[in-house]
Protein backbone atom coordinates (compact mmCIF):
# COMPACT_ATOMS: atom_id res chain seq x y z
CA MET A 1 114.88 95.88 33.89
CA ILE A 2 116.46 95.64 37.49
CA ASP A 3 117.48 98.99 39.03
CA THR A 4 120.96 99.56 40.50
CA GLU A 5 119.58 99.66 44.07
CA THR A 6 117.97 96.23 43.65
CA ARG A 7 121.21 94.80 42.14
CA LYS A 8 123.15 96.05 45.03
CA GLU A 9 120.57 94.48 47.60
CA VAL A 10 120.67 91.12 45.85
CA TYR A 11 124.59 91.11 45.67
CA LYS A 12 124.47 92.07 49.47
CA ARG A 13 122.24 89.01 50.14
CA ALA A 14 124.43 86.75 47.98
CA ILE A 15 127.64 87.76 49.88
CA GLU A 16 125.92 87.38 53.25
CA THR A 17 124.35 84.00 52.32
CA PHE A 18 127.25 82.44 50.65
CA GLY A 19 130.22 84.36 52.03
CA ALA A 20 132.69 86.61 50.20
CA ASP A 21 135.25 83.68 49.66
CA ILE A 22 132.70 81.57 47.84
CA GLN A 23 131.71 84.64 45.58
CA LEU A 24 135.42 85.16 45.04
CA ALA A 25 135.68 81.52 43.70
CA VAL A 26 132.55 82.06 41.60
CA ALA A 27 134.03 85.15 40.07
CA LEU A 28 137.05 83.13 38.94
CA GLU A 29 134.89 80.32 37.52
CA GLU A 30 132.85 82.90 35.59
CA LEU A 31 136.02 84.66 34.24
CA SER A 32 137.23 81.32 33.24
CA GLU A 33 134.04 80.43 31.33
CA LEU A 34 134.24 83.80 29.47
CA GLN A 35 137.87 83.13 28.59
CA LYS A 36 136.68 79.73 27.05
CA GLU A 37 134.22 81.49 25.00
CA ILE A 38 136.65 84.05 23.69
CA CYS A 39 139.03 81.10 22.75
CA LYS A 40 136.22 79.47 20.91
CA CYS A 41 135.37 82.68 19.07
CA MET A 42 139.16 83.08 18.18
CA ARG A 43 138.98 79.69 16.55
CA GLY A 44 135.97 80.62 14.48
CA ASN A 45 133.26 78.90 16.65
CA ILE A 46 131.24 81.83 18.16
CA ASN A 47 127.95 81.42 19.88
CA LEU A 48 126.66 84.90 20.51
CA GLU A 49 124.01 83.63 23.02
CA HIS A 50 126.79 81.86 25.07
CA MET A 51 128.99 84.92 24.63
CA ALA A 52 126.13 87.26 26.00
CA GLU A 53 125.58 84.86 28.83
CA GLU A 54 129.25 84.61 30.00
CA ILE A 55 129.82 88.36 29.70
CA ALA A 56 126.61 88.91 31.76
CA ASP A 57 127.94 86.54 34.43
CA VAL A 58 131.39 88.24 34.63
CA LEU A 59 129.79 91.69 35.05
CA ILE A 60 127.50 90.62 37.72
CA MET A 61 130.54 89.05 39.62
CA VAL A 62 132.65 92.16 38.87
CA GLU A 63 129.91 94.28 40.46
CA GLN A 64 129.82 91.84 43.61
CA LEU A 65 133.66 92.21 43.74
CA GLN A 66 133.22 96.02 43.81
CA GLN A 67 130.73 95.69 46.52
CA ILE A 68 132.81 93.08 48.55
CA PHE A 69 135.95 95.36 48.62
CA MET A 70 133.87 98.64 48.69
CA LEU A 71 135.66 99.81 45.52
CA GLN A 72 132.72 101.31 43.38
CA ASP A 73 134.07 104.90 43.35
CA PRO A 74 137.67 103.82 43.08
CA VAL A 75 136.99 101.56 40.19
CA SER A 76 134.88 104.18 38.38
CA ASP A 77 137.79 106.71 38.86
CA GLN A 78 140.15 104.08 37.37
CA MET A 79 137.75 103.47 34.46
CA ASP A 80 137.57 107.16 33.68
CA LYS A 81 141.45 107.42 33.56
CA LYS A 82 142.00 104.35 31.43
CA ILE A 83 139.28 105.29 29.03
CA ALA A 84 140.80 108.66 28.56
CA ARG A 85 144.08 107.12 27.97
CA LEU A 86 142.56 104.77 25.46
CA ALA A 87 140.94 107.59 23.59
CA PHE A 88 144.41 109.39 23.57
CA ARG A 89 146.07 106.16 22.11
CA ILE A 90 143.37 105.79 19.46
CA GLU A 91 143.94 109.26 18.28
CA LYS A 92 147.69 108.97 18.21
CA TYR A 93 147.44 105.80 16.38
CA LYS A 94 145.03 107.27 13.75
CA LEU A 95 147.45 110.20 13.32
CA ARG A 96 150.35 107.80 12.72
CA GLY A 97 148.23 106.07 10.16
CA MET A 98 147.44 109.17 8.24
CA GLN A 99 151.17 110.14 8.13
CA SER A 100 152.02 106.87 6.35
C-alpha cells in the first residue's frame, strides 16, 4: 500500500513533469470515463472491475487537483460540512417516512 506522503510526491513529480494544464485535461478525461461507466451501469451493463478502475483514476486526479490548487484543507472542510448536511437530510427523510 502506498502511503500519503509517497502519493503526494508522485503527484508533485507528475505535475512538474507534465504540467498542471495537462493534468487538468487528464482529470477531465478521467471524469468522462467514469461518467461512461456509470451510464453503462444504469443501462444494466455493469463491469465492477472497470468501475473500480475508473473510480481509482478519478480519485487520483482529484488528489492531484487538490495539490495543484493547494486545496487539501479547504476541500476537507467542505467535505465535513457537506457530509454533516447529508446526514441531517437522511435523518429528516427517515422521519418523514415514519410519519406516513
